[in-house]
Every structure is written in structure tokens, then in C-alpha cells.
């Protein structure tokens, strides 16, 4: 058995909240009014004004560039624990306000001491990793000569740590000895799945806030979907069973795959006629009237591009 919970939550709201709105939000979810927050001297993450509540909750305001017109709230695991934040309630608030989750860490603590670290290390090395670990967090790459190079997890014996993927990636997982790494009393191995891919965090947000979802069981299933240790009981890797100790650790959860919604919006930062033509043909063949409308709005915002596009592509006039 393990304790499974959210250990980091960072999100943005699609409005630049004023003091009154922030005061209401902070009282409701963190137990303190916004006036108790201290302003930090430096800007960060493309936000001009940054505030902190004793180093726990961070609030970023007055966004610029890509973050213009938004408010960002950053909640590390220590803040979630110390302030006893109701993560599920906060997720519902984010969904209802049309916000985006920037980072969501799923943690599972080995409170029953069922994870065999030496066995995890063995499974995560060489050909054993290829055959008995199912994950897309470690993706093979090509070297300068074009040869495919197998990417293996990063392993450290002291402190105990196995990392699947890279902190530079959108998503990665790590199994580690938190007590040794942080210097605090924490007598369990911890498994963390750190998600920053926007489509994955959006899918997770929608799933957790859907009626009937058991949050802990669902998050355990997400971990299993991203990282699974297998038995060599079938020639085909996709049909191999999960190792008993991994099943026990994840409380018998079933695999949950985050369903990324396909993007239907047209994003042309600098309108180019050739790109507009390709977008038009693609949308026309799909019969996507909403996408075509978005494309026409881009034309309307750039009169010269519109003139060239209509001149060279007269069938636009039929829509």
C-alpha cells in the first residue's frame, strides 16, 4: 500500500485578478488574506509582480508577453501540506474559471516498504530495461552518425535515486530516498511523476474533477500508465503482466492513460500566405467550419495578407 497525493500544483487563471478577488481566493483555499503576502523584489516567469506567503504559496501578477492578462499561483508540496489545501476543491475552481494547470506532481510514498530498490535498479539497466520496463519517459535518440541510441534511466545509489526522463522534459518520473535527498525525516522511498505537458495536465484536471472519479486510485493509474515494471510471462511486451510488488505499491490500480485532446485551433503567429493556403486546404477537406472561421479572423487582422490570400486563392470567397 502507498499514500498517493498531489505534491505540487502550479496553475494560471485567464484574468489578472485584482486585490479583492485575490483576497477572496486566498482566504478560501489557503486560509490567509492576500494582504498577508509579501512582495518579492524580482519579477519571474514573465510576471512583473510576485508575492509570497512565508515562502509557501507564491502569487504572480501583471503578466506580460505570453502571460499577459493572467494570474499565476504556485503551490509546492510543502505549502499544500502545511496549509492543508483541499487540492480537489482547488482543481474544481481552476476548471470552473477556465484556468490551465502548468505543473502537477503525483507522489506515492512507500509507507508499507514494498519497493525493492535494488530490484528497481536492476530492471532499469541495459537490456533488462528494454524488456521489463514499460515507459515512454525515456525516449531513444539518434547520435550524430544517425545510429539509434537507447536512453536509460539516470541511476544514483547514494543517494538512492532512479530518474526516468529528464527534468528538461515535459514529463518525467523519479524514484528516490527523500530523507537522504532533503535532509528531513522521511523514512520511505517516494515515487514522483512530474507533469508539465499542457495537454496531459489538462486531461488530468478534467479527469480528477469528473463525477465518480476516485482521485488517489486515478493518480495511481496515471503513474502506472507512465511507468510499469513487468514480468517476462509473454513474448510480447505489450501483453506482459505487472510485477506483484509494483501492483501492491499502486494499490492494485488499473492503467490510466491521459487522453490528450487534439488541437483544432489555428495558430499562425506571423501570417504567411503559404501556411494559410495549407491550413485552408486542410480545414476544407475536414469540413471544419469553426477552424475556417478562425482562419478568416486571422485574415481580417492582416489586410495585406488577406488581399494576397483572396487574390491567389479565390475559392475562399465561397465560404
Protein backbone atom coordinates (compact mmCIF):
# COMPACT_ATOMS: atom_id res chain seq x y z
CA UNK A 1 0.00 0.00 0.00
CA UNK A 2 1.11 3.58 -0.55
CA UNK A 3 -0.08 7.09 0.15
CA UNK A 4 -0.84 8.83 -3.15
CA UNK A 5 -1.42 12.57 -3.40
CA UNK A 6 -0.62 15.77 -5.26
CA UNK A 7 2.70 17.25 -4.15
CA UNK A 8 2.99 20.29 -6.42
CA UNK A 9 0.36 22.38 -8.16
CA UNK A 10 1.02 25.40 -10.34
CA UNK A 11 -1.75 26.98 -12.37
CA UNK A 12 -2.81 30.12 -14.21
CA UNK A 13 -6.16 31.88 -14.35
CA UNK A 14 -7.20 33.71 -17.54
CA UNK A 15 -7.67 37.08 -15.77
CA UNK A 16 -5.38 39.49 -13.98
CA UNK A 17 -7.08 39.25 -10.57
CA UNK A 18 -7.37 42.44 -8.52
CA UNK A 19 -6.69 42.65 -4.77
CA UNK A 20 -10.29 41.88 -3.78
CA UNK A 21 -10.51 38.79 -5.97
CA UNK A 22 -7.14 37.54 -4.75
CA UNK A 23 -8.16 38.20 -1.15
CA UNK A 24 -11.25 36.03 -1.59
CA UNK A 25 -9.30 33.28 -3.34
CA UNK A 26 -6.51 33.18 -0.75
CA UNK A 27 -8.90 33.16 2.20
CA UNK A 28 -11.00 30.37 0.69
CA UNK A 29 -8.19 27.99 -0.27
CA UNK A 30 -5.14 28.96 1.80
CA UNK A 31 -6.69 30.35 4.98
CA UNK A 32 -4.97 33.76 4.80
CA UNK A 33 -5.94 37.08 3.14
CA UNK A 34 -3.84 38.35 0.26
CA UNK A 35 -2.69 41.34 2.31
CA UNK A 36 -0.59 38.89 4.38
CA UNK A 37 1.55 38.13 1.33
CA UNK A 38 4.93 39.86 0.95
CA UNK A 39 6.02 41.34 -2.35
CA UNK A 40 9.24 39.90 -3.77
CA UNK A 41 11.86 42.25 -5.24
CA UNK A 42 12.26 40.49 -8.58
CA UNK A 43 9.92 39.53 -11.39
CA UNK A 44 9.77 35.92 -12.55
CA UNK A 45 8.09 33.65 -15.11
CA UNK A 46 7.05 36.70 -17.19
CA UNK A 47 5.14 38.30 -14.32
CA UNK A 48 6.05 41.78 -13.12
CA UNK A 49 4.71 41.48 -9.54
CA UNK A 50 5.40 38.45 -7.37
CA UNK A 51 4.13 37.80 -3.84
CA UNK A 52 4.75 35.04 -1.31
CA UNK A 53 3.13 33.80 1.88
CA UNK A 54 6.15 32.99 4.02
CA UNK A 55 7.80 31.07 1.21
CA UNK A 56 4.84 28.71 0.78
CA UNK A 57 2.24 29.99 -1.71
CA UNK A 58 3.52 32.24 -4.49
CA UNK A 59 1.23 34.55 -6.46
CA UNK A 60 2.37 36.16 -9.73
CA UNK A 61 0.53 39.15 -11.24
CA UNK A 62 0.75 41.60 -14.12
CA UNK A 63 1.87 39.07 -16.69
CA UNK A 64 3.49 40.19 -19.92
CA UNK A 65 4.33 38.60 -23.28
CA UNK A 66 2.67 35.16 -23.40
CA UNK A 67 1.35 35.59 -19.84
CA UNK A 68 -0.37 38.93 -20.37
CA UNK A 69 -3.77 39.17 -18.71
CA UNK A 70 -3.26 36.16 -16.44
CA UNK A 71 -2.57 35.40 -12.79
CA UNK A 72 -0.33 32.51 -11.74
CA UNK A 73 -0.38 30.65 -8.41
CA UNK A 74 2.47 28.32 -7.43
CA UNK A 75 1.94 25.74 -4.66
CA UNK A 76 4.91 23.49 -3.80
CA UNK A 77 4.30 20.33 -1.81
CA UNK A 78 5.30 21.94 1.47
CA UNK A 79 2.62 24.61 1.01
CA UNK A 80 -0.06 22.03 0.17
CA UNK A 81 0.81 20.11 3.33
CA UNK A 82 1.30 22.98 5.79
CA UNK A 83 -1.79 24.89 4.68
CA UNK A 84 -3.86 21.69 4.33
CA UNK A 85 -5.04 22.75 0.89
CA UNK A 86 -8.01 20.81 -0.49
CA UNK A 87 -6.39 20.00 -3.83
CA UNK A 88 -9.51 18.51 -5.40
CA UNK A 89 -11.62 21.54 -4.47
CA UNK A 90 -8.93 23.82 -5.90
CA UNK A 91 -8.86 21.78 -9.12
CA UNK A 92 -12.61 22.28 -9.50
CA UNK A 93 -12.09 26.02 -9.05
CA UNK A 94 -9.39 26.03 -11.76
CA UNK A 95 -11.67 24.14 -14.14
CA UNK A 96 -14.68 26.37 -13.47
CA UNK A 97 -12.61 29.52 -14.05
CA UNK A 98 -11.16 28.20 -17.31
CA UNK A 99 -7.63 28.06 -15.90
CA UNK A 100 -4.65 25.98 -17.01
CA UNK A 101 -2.51 23.66 -14.89
CA UNK A 102 1.17 24.36 -15.55
CA UNK A 103 2.59 21.66 -13.29
CA UNK A 104 1.08 18.76 -11.37
CA UNK A 105 3.24 16.35 -9.37
CA UNK A 106 1.73 13.00 -8.41
CA UNK A 107 3.52 11.40 -5.45
CA UNK A 108 3.28 7.93 -3.98
CA UNK A 109 5.02 7.22 -0.66
CA UNK A 110 6.08 3.65 0.07
CA UNK A 111 4.63 3.59 3.58
CA UNK A 112 4.47 -0.24 3.61
CA UNK A 113 8.08 -0.64 2.39
CA UNK A 114 7.22 -2.89 -0.55
CA UNK A 115 9.52 -1.33 -3.17
CA UNK A 116 12.78 -3.28 -3.63
CA UNK A 117 15.18 -0.53 -4.65
CA UNK A 118 17.95 -2.94 -5.74
CA UNK A 119 15.47 -4.72 -8.00
CA UNK A 120 14.32 -1.39 -9.47
CA UNK A 121 17.96 -0.58 -10.28
CA UNK A 122 18.45 -3.98 -11.92
CA UNK A 123 15.32 -3.60 -14.03
CA UNK A 124 16.36 -0.10 -15.10
CA UNK A 125 19.71 -1.05 -16.64
CA UNK A 126 20.75 -2.43 -20.02
CA UNK A 127 18.59 -4.86 -21.97
CA UNK A 128 16.53 -5.60 -18.86
CA UNK A 129 15.13 -2.07 -19.03
CA UNK A 130 14.09 -2.52 -22.65
CA UNK A 131 12.31 -5.80 -21.93
CA UNK A 132 10.83 -5.33 -18.46
CA UNK A 133 10.05 -1.63 -18.03
CA UNK A 134 7.19 -0.09 -19.98
CA UNK A 135 7.56 3.68 -20.25
CA UNK A 136 7.70 6.46 -22.82
CA UNK A 137 9.54 8.80 -20.47
CA UNK A 138 12.95 7.58 -21.73
CA UNK A 139 12.85 8.03 -25.49
CA UNK A 140 15.61 6.70 -27.73
CA UNK A 141 17.51 9.25 -29.78
CA UNK A 142 19.87 9.33 -32.74
CA UNK A 143 23.53 10.25 -32.42
CA UNK A 144 25.49 12.35 -34.91
CA UNK A 145 26.03 9.32 -37.15
CA UNK A 146 22.32 8.56 -37.29
CA UNK A 147 22.53 5.48 -35.08
CA UNK A 148 19.71 4.94 -32.58
CA UNK A 149 20.96 5.28 -29.00
CA UNK A 150 18.96 3.73 -26.18
CA UNK A 151 18.30 6.27 -23.42
CA UNK A 152 18.46 4.62 -19.99
CA UNK A 153 17.27 6.00 -16.65
CA UNK A 154 19.75 8.01 -14.60
CA UNK A 155 20.70 5.92 -11.56
CA UNK A 156 22.31 7.02 -8.30
CA UNK A 157 22.96 4.55 -5.48
CA UNK A 158 23.85 7.12 -2.82
CA UNK A 159 21.51 8.87 -2.50
CA UNK A 160 19.06 6.30 -3.80
CA UNK A 161 17.52 7.70 -6.97
CA UNK A 162 16.37 6.44 -10.36
CA UNK A 163 15.16 9.06 -12.84
CA UNK A 164 13.10 8.19 -15.91
CA UNK A 165 13.35 11.02 -18.39
CA UNK A 166 14.89 14.42 -17.78
CA UNK A 167 13.90 17.49 -15.73
CA UNK A 168 14.13 19.35 -19.05
CA UNK A 169 11.35 17.18 -20.48
CA UNK A 170 7.64 17.95 -20.21
CA UNK A 171 7.11 14.86 -18.05
CA UNK A 172 9.46 12.66 -16.05
CA UNK A 173 9.38 10.28 -13.10
CA UNK A 174 11.80 9.72 -10.24
CA UNK A 175 12.05 7.09 -7.50
CA UNK A 176 14.19 8.34 -4.65
CA UNK A 177 15.06 8.40 -0.97
CA UNK A 178 13.53 11.71 0.08
CA UNK A 179 15.03 11.65 3.58
CA UNK A 180 18.58 11.46 2.21
CA UNK A 181 17.97 13.98 -0.58
CA UNK A 182 16.22 16.65 1.51
CA UNK A 183 17.79 16.10 4.92
CA UNK A 184 14.38 15.77 6.58
CA UNK A 185 12.89 12.78 8.36
CA UNK A 186 11.11 10.78 5.69
CA UNK A 187 11.55 7.02 6.13
CA UNK A 188 10.04 5.94 2.80
CA UNK A 189 11.01 5.69 -0.81
CA UNK A 190 8.98 8.11 -2.88
CA UNK A 191 7.79 7.85 -6.47
CA UNK A 192 7.09 11.19 -8.16
CA UNK A 193 5.57 11.74 -11.57
CA UNK A 194 6.09 15.36 -12.58
CA UNK A 195 3.75 16.53 -15.33
CA UNK A 196 4.15 19.84 -17.15
CA UNK A 197 2.88 18.89 -20.62
CA UNK A 198 -0.15 21.15 -21.04
CA UNK A 199 -2.31 18.52 -22.74
CA UNK A 200 -1.51 15.97 -20.03
CA UNK A 201 -2.20 18.36 -17.17
CA UNK A 202 -5.46 19.46 -18.82
CA UNK A 203 -6.56 15.84 -19.24
CA UNK A 204 -5.65 15.11 -15.62
CA UNK A 205 -7.58 18.15 -14.40
CA UNK A 206 -10.72 17.12 -16.28
CA UNK A 207 -10.48 13.51 -15.09
CA UNK A 208 -9.95 14.39 -11.42
CA UNK A 209 -12.90 16.78 -11.41
CA UNK A 210 -15.28 14.43 -13.21
CA UNK A 211 -18.09 12.91 -11.10
CA UNK A 212 -17.34 9.45 -9.77
CA UNK A 213 -13.55 9.66 -10.06
CA UNK A 214 -11.58 8.34 -7.07
CA UNK A 215 -8.60 10.76 -7.10
CA UNK A 216 -6.00 8.56 -5.38
CA UNK A 217 -6.85 5.48 -7.47
CA UNK A 218 -6.87 7.51 -10.67
CA UNK A 219 -3.49 9.13 -9.93
CA UNK A 220 -2.03 5.69 -9.12
CA UNK A 221 -3.29 4.53 -12.51
CA UNK A 222 -1.65 7.51 -14.20
CA UNK A 223 1.70 6.58 -12.60
CA UNK A 224 1.24 3.01 -13.82
CA UNK A 225 0.40 4.25 -17.30
CA UNK A 226 3.63 6.25 -17.43
CA UNK A 227 5.88 3.69 -15.68
CA UNK A 228 5.24 -0.04 -15.34
CA UNK A 229 7.55 -2.86 -14.20
CA UNK A 230 6.82 -6.17 -15.94
CA UNK A 231 7.16 -9.95 -15.67
CA UNK A 232 8.63 -11.91 -18.59
CA UNK A 233 5.47 -14.00 -18.94
CA UNK A 234 4.70 -13.29 -22.60
CA UNK A 235 6.85 -12.90 -25.74
CA UNK A 236 5.05 -9.64 -26.49
CA UNK A 237 5.95 -6.75 -24.22
CA UNK A 238 2.52 -5.14 -24.51
CA UNK A 239 0.93 -8.30 -23.05
CA UNK A 240 3.24 -8.79 -20.09
CA UNK A 241 1.88 -8.62 -16.56
CA UNK A 242 2.85 -6.10 -13.91
CA UNK A 243 5.22 -7.24 -11.16
CA UNK A 244 3.31 -8.04 -7.92
CA UNK A 245 5.25 -5.56 -5.77
CA UNK A 246 4.50 -2.69 -8.21
CA UNK A 247 0.82 -3.66 -8.21
CA UNK A 248 0.79 -3.73 -4.42
CA UNK A 249 2.58 -0.39 -4.21
CA UNK A 250 -0.01 1.22 -6.50
CA UNK A 251 -2.87 -0.31 -4.52
CA UNK A 252 -3.90 -2.54 -7.43
CA UNK A 253 -4.72 0.41 -9.69
CA UNK A 254 -5.56 -0.11 -13.35
CA UNK A 255 -3.58 1.74 -16.00
CA UNK A 256 -4.99 5.19 -16.75
CA UNK A 257 -3.84 6.87 -19.93
CA UNK A 258 -4.22 10.63 -20.11
CA UNK A 259 -6.31 11.37 -23.19
CA UNK A 260 -4.86 14.37 -24.97
CA UNK A 261 -7.50 16.35 -26.83
CA UNK A 262 -6.49 17.17 -30.42
CA UNK A 263 -5.98 20.85 -31.04
CA UNK A 264 -8.41 22.33 -33.56
CA UNK A 265 -7.30 25.95 -33.26
CA UNK A 266 -5.23 27.58 -35.98
CA UNK A 267 -2.08 29.21 -34.66
CA UNK A 268 -0.23 31.38 -37.15
CA UNK A 269 1.89 33.84 -35.18
CA UNK A 270 3.07 35.70 -38.27
CA UNK A 271 0.55 35.13 -41.06
CA UNK A 272 2.24 33.57 -44.06
CA UNK A 273 0.29 33.05 -47.28
CA UNK A 274 1.71 29.58 -47.97
CA UNK A 275 0.84 28.44 -44.47
CA UNK A 276 -2.62 29.97 -44.78
CA UNK A 277 -3.21 28.06 -48.01
CA UNK A 278 -2.21 24.76 -46.41
CA UNK A 279 -4.39 25.49 -43.39
CA UNK A 280 -7.34 26.31 -45.64
CA UNK A 281 -7.00 23.10 -47.68
CA UNK A 282 -6.69 21.01 -44.52
CA UNK A 283 -9.72 22.59 -42.86
CA UNK A 284 -11.79 22.47 -46.03
CA UNK A 285 -11.13 18.74 -46.51
CA UNK A 286 -12.19 18.10 -42.90
CA UNK A 287 -15.28 20.27 -43.20
CA UNK A 288 -14.14 22.18 -40.11
CA UNK A 289 -16.25 25.35 -40.26
CA UNK A 290 -15.06 26.52 -36.83
CA UNK A 291 -11.44 26.25 -37.89
CA UNK A 292 -12.17 28.08 -41.14
CA UNK A 293 -13.81 30.89 -39.19
CA UNK A 294 -10.67 31.23 -37.04
CA UNK A 295 -8.54 31.34 -40.16
CA UNK A 296 -10.71 34.10 -41.67
CA UNK A 297 -10.38 36.11 -38.46
CA UNK A 298 -6.61 35.95 -38.93
CA UNK A 299 -7.05 37.31 -42.46
CA UNK A 300 -9.21 40.15 -41.17
CA UNK A 301 -6.47 41.16 -38.73
CA UNK A 302 -3.90 41.46 -41.53
CA UNK A 303 -5.39 43.27 -44.55
CA UNK A 304 -2.37 42.80 -46.82
CA UNK A 305 -2.25 39.06 -46.17
CA UNK A 306 -5.99 38.92 -46.71
CA UNK A 307 -5.72 40.71 -50.05
CA UNK A 308 -2.98 38.35 -51.28
CA UNK A 309 -4.72 35.23 -49.98
CA UNK A 310 -8.06 36.08 -51.61
CA UNK A 311 -6.38 37.06 -54.86
CA UNK A 312 -4.32 33.86 -55.12
CA UNK A 313 -6.95 31.57 -53.59
CA UNK A 314 -10.37 32.76 -54.90
CA UNK A 315 -12.26 29.74 -53.52
CA UNK A 316 -12.05 31.43 -50.13
CA UNK A 317 -14.90 33.59 -51.34
CA UNK A 318 -17.19 30.54 -51.33
CA UNK A 319 -17.15 30.34 -47.55
